[in-house]
Amino acid sequence: MLIKVKGNAEAVTTANNVSLSRYVRVFAAAAQTVTITAADAELSSSGSFLMPFGGVEIVEKQPTDTIASTGTLSCTPVAIRT
């Protein structure tokens, strides 16, 4: 998988749509819980997962969905190509 950076990394703790990006590279400098929340309450596709110390994940979300965490995440909007 290749990623294309679409913007600058943002420090995220509270709900943030990360530049309305569909794909977000998430880096956790400390172990924490990451929560993805759907912007459309009718879809109710909220969920959360635990990121370990030093963890990196590519998160797929709808552009208006938000990412939040129990600590500070580094979130970068990206595009992916497989």
Protein backbone atom coordinates (compact mmCIF):
# COMPACT_ATOMS: atom_id res chain seq x y z
CA MET A 1 0.00 0.00 0.00
CA LEU A 2 1.21 3.47 -0.89
CA ILE A 3 0.05 6.63 0.85
CA LYS A 4 0.00 10.18 -0.46
CA VAL A 5 0.14 12.94 2.16
CA LYS A 6 -2.70 15.41 1.60
CA GLY A 7 -1.96 17.86 4.42
CA ASN A 8 0.00 18.54 7.57
CA ALA A 9 -0.11 16.40 10.70
CA GLU A 10 -2.49 17.71 13.36
CA ALA A 11 -2.37 17.10 17.12
CA VAL A 12 -5.80 15.63 17.89
CA THR A 13 -7.45 15.04 21.26
CA THR A 14 -11.01 16.32 20.82
CA ALA A 15 -13.37 15.52 17.92
CA ASN A 16 -11.69 16.51 14.65
CA ASN A 17 -12.55 15.58 11.04
CA VAL A 18 -8.84 15.92 10.02
CA SER A 19 -9.32 18.16 6.98
CA LEU A 20 -12.41 16.19 5.91
CA SER A 21 -10.11 13.37 4.80
CA ARG A 22 -11.51 9.90 4.08
CA TYR A 23 -8.22 8.24 5.12
CA VAL A 24 -6.13 9.35 8.10
CA ARG A 25 -2.71 8.14 9.24
CA VAL A 26 -2.89 7.99 13.04
CA PHE A 27 0.23 7.83 15.25
CA ALA A 28 -0.01 7.34 19.02
CA ALA A 29 2.96 8.57 21.05
CA ALA A 30 1.40 6.84 24.08
CA ALA A 31 -1.11 4.00 24.55
CA GLN A 32 -4.64 5.40 24.33
CA THR A 33 -8.19 4.81 23.20
CA VAL A 34 -9.13 6.20 19.79
CA THR A 35 -12.79 6.96 19.09
CA ILE A 36 -14.29 7.34 15.60
CA THR A 37 -17.71 9.02 15.59
CA ALA A 38 -20.09 9.25 12.65
CA ALA A 39 -21.20 12.79 11.89
CA ASP A 40 -24.63 11.49 10.83
CA ALA A 41 -26.41 10.25 13.95
CA GLU A 42 -28.71 8.05 11.82
CA LEU A 43 -25.74 5.96 10.71
CA SER A 44 -24.58 5.49 14.31
CA SER A 45 -21.36 3.81 13.25
CA SER A 46 -19.34 5.06 16.19
CA GLY A 47 -16.58 2.82 17.47
CA SER A 48 -13.32 2.83 19.34
CA PHE A 49 -10.08 0.86 19.51
CA LEU A 50 -6.92 0.84 21.62
CA MET A 51 -3.73 2.16 20.04
CA PRO A 52 -0.55 0.82 21.67
CA PHE A 53 2.48 3.00 22.40
CA GLY A 54 4.09 3.91 19.07
CA GLY A 55 1.18 2.46 17.10
CA VAL A 56 0.44 3.62 13.54
CA GLU A 57 -2.83 2.89 11.75
CA ILE A 58 -4.55 4.09 8.59
CA VAL A 59 -8.16 4.84 9.52
CA GLU A 60 -10.92 4.92 6.89
CA LYS A 61 -13.86 7.17 7.75
CA GLN A 62 -16.47 9.31 6.06
CA PRO A 63 -15.16 12.85 5.47
CA THR A 64 -17.38 14.44 8.12
CA ASP A 65 -16.77 11.69 10.72
CA THR A 66 -14.50 12.71 13.58
CA ILE A 67 -11.52 11.22 15.42
CA ALA A 68 -10.86 11.85 19.12
CA SER A 69 -8.71 10.18 21.76
CA THR A 70 -7.90 9.95 25.45
CA GLY A 71 -4.46 11.47 24.72
CA THR A 72 -2.85 13.38 21.87
CA LEU A 73 -2.68 11.66 18.48
CA SER A 74 -0.75 12.82 15.43
CA CYS A 75 -3.26 12.63 12.56
CA THR A 76 -2.33 13.24 8.93
CA PRO A 77 -4.82 13.31 6.04
CA VAL A 78 -3.72 10.83 3.36
CA ALA A 79 -4.89 9.09 0.20
CA ILE A 80 -4.12 5.42 -0.32
CA ARG A 81 -3.35 3.23 -3.31
CA THR A 82 -3.04 -0.52 -3.13
